[in-house]
Amino acid sequence: MRREVLTWSDVDKLIDYLVPQIHGRFDSMVVITRGGMIPGGFLAEALNITYILTASVRFPADFPGMHDPEQIRYAIPEFIEFPSDDALRDRRVLVVDDVWTKGRNSITVANRIAAAGGTPETCVLHYKPTTSLYPSKSPTYYAAITDAYMIYPWELDRGPERFSIFN
């Protein structure tokens, strides 16, 4: 798998590309942990969003041994942390993550926000349409399309080779 290592300057350029795409005012932002934390901070500052919440979601199909695409797509998520319905109702919410690989995190968080009565729009730095489990959906906003394994400057000590995922 092709890897791409980004610098802080690369991230700045991606944020600079995203900001003009995002129109209107958002009442709040939900950042998906852990990947959305840093891009969310940059975007919150650039878009002057001060009401920032976090969502932490885990899928049991993310564990080793799960390879069936249907099992992965329909796995029931565990919400480790999620804002209350009252914090989302009647709000336009920007949902931020670093990358849309399978799309499950962004779709799951956006659907739960919508169920609470909010209006979610999704935003990522990188979109991978070839690996998405939702071919008819895409992020509302994204800075770049890729098929590479992205390594952001805040995670230089991580990567597939460190964990022998692709060895």
C-alpha atoms as a PDB file:
ATOM      1  CA  MET A   1       0.000   0.000   0.000  1.00  0.00           C
ATOM      2  CA  ARG A   2       1.284   3.419  -0.946  1.00  0.00           C
ATOM      3  CA  ARG A   3       1.981   5.673   2.044  1.00  0.00           C
ATOM      4  CA  GLU A   4       1.968   9.424   2.135  1.00  0.00           C
ATOM      5  CA  VAL A   5       3.635  11.291   4.990  1.00  0.00           C
ATOM      6  CA  LEU A   6       2.301  14.808   5.456  1.00  0.00           C
ATOM      7  CA  THR A   7       4.002  17.823   6.974  1.00  0.00           C
ATOM      8  CA  TRP A   8       2.341  20.552   9.017  1.00  0.00           C
ATOM      9  CA  SER A   9       2.597  22.742   5.928  1.00  0.00           C
ATOM     10  CA  ASP A  10       0.645  20.123   3.948  1.00  0.00           C
ATOM     11  CA  VAL A  11      -2.071  20.144   6.614  1.00  0.00           C
ATOM     12  CA  ASP A  12      -2.226  23.954   6.514  1.00  0.00           C
ATOM     13  CA  LYS A  13      -2.762  23.781   2.739  1.00  0.00           C
ATOM     14  CA  LEU A  14      -5.542  21.207   3.152  1.00  0.00           C
ATOM     15  CA  ILE A  15      -7.288  23.411   5.731  1.00  0.00           C
ATOM     16  CA  ASP A  16      -6.848  26.436   3.469  1.00  0.00           C
ATOM     17  CA  TYR A  17      -8.491  24.447   0.659  1.00  0.00           C
ATOM     18  CA  LEU A  18     -11.399  23.331   2.875  1.00  0.00           C
ATOM     19  CA  VAL A  19     -12.355  26.626   4.507  1.00  0.00           C
ATOM     20  CA  PRO A  20     -13.685  28.398   1.367  1.00  0.00           C
ATOM     21  CA  GLN A  21     -15.845  25.342   0.545  1.00  0.00           C
ATOM     22  CA  ILE A  22     -17.695  25.549   3.845  1.00  0.00           C
ATOM     23  CA  HIS A  23     -20.549  28.039   3.574  1.00  0.00           C
ATOM     24  CA  GLY A  24     -22.834  29.400   6.224  1.00  0.00           C
ATOM     25  CA  ARG A  25     -22.580  29.360   9.968  1.00  0.00           C
ATOM     26  CA  PHE A  26     -22.354  26.193  12.031  1.00  0.00           C
ATOM     27  CA  ASP A  27     -23.837  26.151  15.499  1.00  0.00           C
ATOM     28  CA  SER A  28     -21.396  23.502  16.658  1.00  0.00           C
ATOM     29  CA  MET A  29     -18.721  21.033  15.665  1.00  0.00           C
ATOM     30  CA  VAL A  30     -18.427  17.380  16.588  1.00  0.00           C
ATOM     31  CA  VAL A  31     -14.901  16.052  16.228  1.00  0.00           C
ATOM     32  CA  ILE A  32     -14.451  12.324  15.913  1.00  0.00           C
ATOM     33  CA  THR A  33     -11.700  11.061  18.176  1.00  0.00           C
ATOM     34  CA  ARG A  34      -8.860  10.673  17.667  1.00  0.00           C
ATOM     35  CA  GLY A  35      -8.347  11.590  14.028  1.00  0.00           C
ATOM     36  CA  GLY A  36     -10.607  14.621  13.977  1.00  0.00           C
ATOM     37  CA  MET A  37      -9.124  16.343  17.011  1.00  0.00           C
ATOM     38  CA  ILE A  38      -6.370  18.325  15.300  1.00  0.00           C
ATOM     39  CA  PRO A  39      -8.131  19.094  11.991  1.00  0.00           C
ATOM     40  CA  GLY A  40     -11.196  20.037  14.044  1.00  0.00           C
ATOM     41  CA  GLY A  41      -9.154  22.507  16.070  1.00  0.00           C
ATOM     42  CA  PHE A  42      -7.778  24.145  12.941  1.00  0.00           C
ATOM     43  CA  LEU A  43     -11.236  24.336  11.350  1.00  0.00           C
ATOM     44  CA  ALA A  44     -12.920  25.596  14.520  1.00  0.00           C
ATOM     45  CA  GLU A  45     -10.424  28.452  14.654  1.00  0.00           C
ATOM     46  CA  ALA A  46     -10.729  29.279  10.942  1.00  0.00           C
ATOM     47  CA  LEU A  47     -14.552  29.096  10.942  1.00  0.00           C
ATOM     48  CA  ASN A  48     -15.001  30.697  14.374  1.00  0.00           C
ATOM     49  CA  ILE A  49     -16.894  27.711  15.784  1.00  0.00           C
ATOM     50  CA  THR A  50     -16.704  27.826  19.569  1.00  0.00           C
ATOM     51  CA  TYR A  51     -19.184  25.080  20.529  1.00  0.00           C
ATOM     52  CA  ILE A  52     -17.016  21.975  20.079  1.00  0.00           C
ATOM     53  CA  LEU A  53     -18.068  18.475  21.104  1.00  0.00           C
ATOM     54  CA  THR A  54     -16.468  15.061  20.726  1.00  0.00           C
ATOM     55  CA  ALA A  55     -17.679  11.674  19.574  1.00  0.00           C
ATOM     56  CA  SER A  56     -15.791   8.474  20.190  1.00  0.00           C
ATOM     57  CA  VAL A  57     -17.034   5.439  18.272  1.00  0.00           C
ATOM     58  CA  ARG A  58     -15.675   1.907  18.144  1.00  0.00           C
ATOM     59  CA  PHE A  59     -16.758  -0.884  15.823  1.00  0.00           C
ATOM     60  CA  PRO A  60     -16.303  -4.519  16.905  1.00  0.00           C
ATOM     61  CA  ALA A  61     -15.544  -5.372  13.272  1.00  0.00           C
ATOM     62  CA  ASP A  62     -12.326  -3.348  13.593  1.00  0.00           C
ATOM     63  CA  PHE A  63     -10.758  -6.191  15.500  1.00  0.00           C
ATOM     64  CA  PRO A  64      -8.449  -8.758  13.863  1.00  0.00           C
ATOM     65  CA  GLY A  65     -10.202 -11.644  12.180  1.00  0.00           C
ATOM     66  CA  MET A  66     -13.149  -9.606  10.871  1.00  0.00           C
ATOM     67  CA  HIS A  67     -12.918  -9.666   7.074  1.00  0.00           C
ATOM     68  CA  ASP A  68     -16.490 -10.185   5.840  1.00  0.00           C
ATOM     69  CA  PRO A  69     -17.537  -6.903   4.125  1.00  0.00           C
ATOM     70  CA  GLU A  70     -21.188  -7.309   5.165  1.00  0.00           C
ATOM     71  CA  GLN A  71     -20.210  -7.974   8.773  1.00  0.00           C
ATOM     72  CA  ILE A  72     -17.971  -4.896   8.693  1.00  0.00           C
ATOM     73  CA  ARG A  73     -20.621  -2.666   7.075  1.00  0.00           C
ATOM     74  CA  TYR A  74     -23.420  -3.612   9.455  1.00  0.00           C
ATOM     75  CA  ALA A  75     -21.409  -3.903  12.664  1.00  0.00           C
ATOM     76  CA  ILE A  76     -23.151  -2.256  15.585  1.00  0.00           C
ATOM     77  CA  PRO A  77     -21.025   0.620  16.889  1.00  0.00           C
ATOM     78  CA  GLU A  78     -20.162   1.220  20.496  1.00  0.00           C
ATOM     79  CA  PHE A  79     -20.478   4.892  21.393  1.00  0.00           C
ATOM     80  CA  ILE A  80     -17.770   5.426  23.983  1.00  0.00           C
ATOM     81  CA  GLU A  81     -18.576   9.129  24.170  1.00  0.00           C
ATOM     82  CA  PHE A  82     -21.258  11.131  22.412  1.00  0.00           C
ATOM     83  CA  PRO A  83     -22.963  14.496  22.984  1.00  0.00           C
ATOM     84  CA  SER A  84     -26.460  14.532  24.467  1.00  0.00           C
ATOM     85  CA  ASP A  85     -29.421  14.959  22.140  1.00  0.00           C
ATOM     86  CA  ASP A  86     -30.086  18.355  23.730  1.00  0.00           C
ATOM     87  CA  ALA A  87     -26.629  19.542  22.659  1.00  0.00           C
ATOM     88  CA  LEU A  88     -27.402  18.623  19.023  1.00  0.00           C
ATOM     89  CA  ARG A  89     -31.111  19.326  18.521  1.00  0.00           C
ATOM     90  CA  ASP A  90     -31.897  22.177  16.116  1.00  0.00           C
ATOM     91  CA  ARG A  91     -28.212  22.799  15.425  1.00  0.00           C
ATOM     92  CA  ARG A  92     -26.244  22.806  12.199  1.00  0.00           C
ATOM     93  CA  VAL A  93     -23.289  20.579  13.083  1.00  0.00           C
ATOM     94  CA  LEU A  94     -19.966  20.170  11.277  1.00  0.00           C
ATOM     95  CA  VAL A  95     -18.676  16.609  11.821  1.00  0.00           C
ATOM     96  CA  VAL A  96     -14.878  16.472  11.443  1.00  0.00           C
ATOM     97  CA  ASP A  97     -12.499  13.532  11.016  1.00  0.00           C
ATOM     98  CA  ASP A  98      -9.100  13.220   9.392  1.00  0.00           C
ATOM     99  CA  VAL A  99      -9.865  10.639   6.715  1.00  0.00           C
ATOM    100  CA  TRP A 100     -12.913   8.894   5.241  1.00  0.00           C
ATOM    101  CA  THR A 101     -11.582   5.416   4.543  1.00  0.00           C
ATOM    102  CA  LYS A 102     -14.626   3.192   4.991  1.00  0.00           C
ATOM    103  CA  GLY A 103     -16.911   6.063   5.941  1.00  0.00           C
ATOM    104  CA  ARG A 104     -18.381   4.285   8.950  1.00  0.00           C
ATOM    105  CA  ASN A 105     -17.302   6.790  11.584  1.00  0.00           C
ATOM    106  CA  SER A 106     -18.557   9.868   9.742  1.00  0.00           C
ATOM    107  CA  ILE A 107     -21.800   8.210   8.597  1.00  0.00           C
ATOM    108  CA  THR A 108     -22.542   6.770  12.054  1.00  0.00           C
ATOM    109  CA  VAL A 109     -21.900  10.062  13.855  1.00  0.00           C
ATOM    110  CA  ALA A 110     -23.881  12.067  11.266  1.00  0.00           C
ATOM    111  CA  ASN A 111     -26.816   9.646  11.480  1.00  0.00           C
ATOM    112  CA  ARG A 112     -26.908   9.855  15.262  1.00  0.00           C
ATOM    113  CA  ILE A 113     -26.811  13.666  15.117  1.00  0.00           C
ATOM    114  CA  ALA A 114     -29.696  13.641  12.617  1.00  0.00           C
ATOM    115  CA  ALA A 115     -31.654  11.257  14.873  1.00  0.00           C
ATOM    116  CA  ALA A 116     -31.171  13.742  17.724  1.00  0.00           C
ATOM    117  CA  GLY A 117     -32.688  16.506  15.578  1.00  0.00           C
ATOM    118  CA  GLY A 118     -29.475  18.144  14.390  1.00  0.00           C
ATOM    119  CA  THR A 119     -28.389  18.869  10.818  1.00  0.00           C
ATOM    120  CA  PRO A 120     -24.973  17.274  10.252  1.00  0.00           C
ATOM    121  CA  GLU A 121     -22.500  17.950   7.464  1.00  0.00           C
ATOM    122  CA  THR A 122     -19.328  15.871   7.260  1.00  0.00           C
ATOM    123  CA  CYS A 123     -15.802  17.137   6.667  1.00  0.00           C
ATOM    124  CA  VAL A 124     -12.499  15.281   6.260  1.00  0.00           C
ATOM    125  CA  LEU A 125      -9.032  16.098   5.057  1.00  0.00           C
ATOM    126  CA  HIS A 126      -8.851  12.999   2.836  1.00  0.00           C
ATOM    127  CA  TYR A 127     -11.562  11.003   1.102  1.00  0.00           C
ATOM    128  CA  LYS A 128     -10.928   7.445  -0.159  1.00  0.00           C
ATOM    129  CA  PRO A 129     -13.847   6.614  -2.457  1.00  0.00           C
ATOM    130  CA  THR A 130     -12.361   3.270  -3.530  1.00  0.00           C
ATOM    131  CA  THR A 131     -12.480   1.870   0.022  1.00  0.00           C
ATOM    132  CA  SER A 132     -15.733   3.479   1.172  1.00  0.00           C
ATOM    133  CA  LEU A 133     -18.465   1.108   2.295  1.00  0.00           C
ATOM    134  CA  TYR A 134     -21.001   3.696   1.111  1.00  0.00           C
ATOM    135  CA  PRO A 135     -20.484   4.249  -2.618  1.00  0.00           C
ATOM    136  CA  SER A 136     -23.579   6.450  -2.892  1.00  0.00           C
ATOM    137  CA  LYS A 137     -22.359   8.801  -0.133  1.00  0.00           C
ATOM    138  CA  SER A 138     -19.345  11.018   0.278  1.00  0.00           C
ATOM    139  CA  PRO A 139     -18.211  13.627   2.784  1.00  0.00           C
ATOM    140  CA  THR A 140     -19.957  16.975   2.427  1.00  0.00           C
ATOM    141  CA  TYR A 141     -16.526  18.630   2.374  1.00  0.00           C
ATOM    142  CA  TYR A 142     -13.101  17.146   1.709  1.00  0.00           C
ATOM    143  CA  ALA A 143      -9.755  18.596   0.768  1.00  0.00           C
ATOM    144  CA  ALA A 144      -8.296  15.738  -1.298  1.00  0.00           C
ATOM    145  CA  ILE A 145      -9.065  12.337  -2.768  1.00  0.00           C
ATOM    146  CA  THR A 146      -6.477   9.614  -2.213  1.00  0.00           C
ATOM    147  CA  ASP A 147      -5.899   5.887  -2.140  1.00  0.00           C
ATOM    148  CA  ALA A 148      -2.784   6.142   0.022  1.00  0.00           C
ATOM    149  CA  TYR A 149      -2.332   5.332   3.694  1.00  0.00           C
ATOM    150  CA  MET A 150      -2.069   8.830   5.144  1.00  0.00           C
ATOM    151  CA  ILE A 151       0.338   9.585   7.963  1.00  0.00           C
ATOM    152  CA  TYR A 152      -0.319  12.982   9.479  1.00  0.00           C
ATOM    153  CA  PRO A 153       2.390  14.982  11.281  1.00  0.00           C
ATOM    154  CA  TRP A 154       0.791  14.320  14.667  1.00  0.00           C
ATOM    155  CA  GLU A 155       1.098  10.554  14.158  1.00  0.00           C
ATOM    156  CA  LEU A 156       4.574  10.109  12.713  1.00  0.00           C
ATOM    157  CA  ASP A 157       5.333   7.384  15.237  1.00  0.00           C
ATOM    158  CA  ARG A 158       2.339   5.369  14.010  1.00  0.00           C
ATOM    159  CA  GLY A 159       1.686   3.559  10.771  1.00  0.00           C
ATOM    160  CA  PRO A 160       0.904   0.109   9.425  1.00  0.00           C
ATOM    161  CA  GLU A 161       4.490  -1.138   9.534  1.00  0.00           C
ATOM    162  CA  ARG A 162       4.763  -0.327  13.227  1.00  0.00           C
ATOM    163  CA  PHE A 163       1.910  -2.678  14.012  1.00  0.00           C
ATOM    164  CA  SER A 164       2.726  -5.265  11.310  1.00  0.00           C
ATOM    165  CA  ILE A 165      -0.689  -4.762   9.748  1.00  0.00           C
ATOM    166  CA  PHE A 166       0.549  -4.985   6.162  1.00  0.00           C
ATOM    167  CA  ASN A 167       3.684  -7.133   6.650  1.00  0.00           C
END
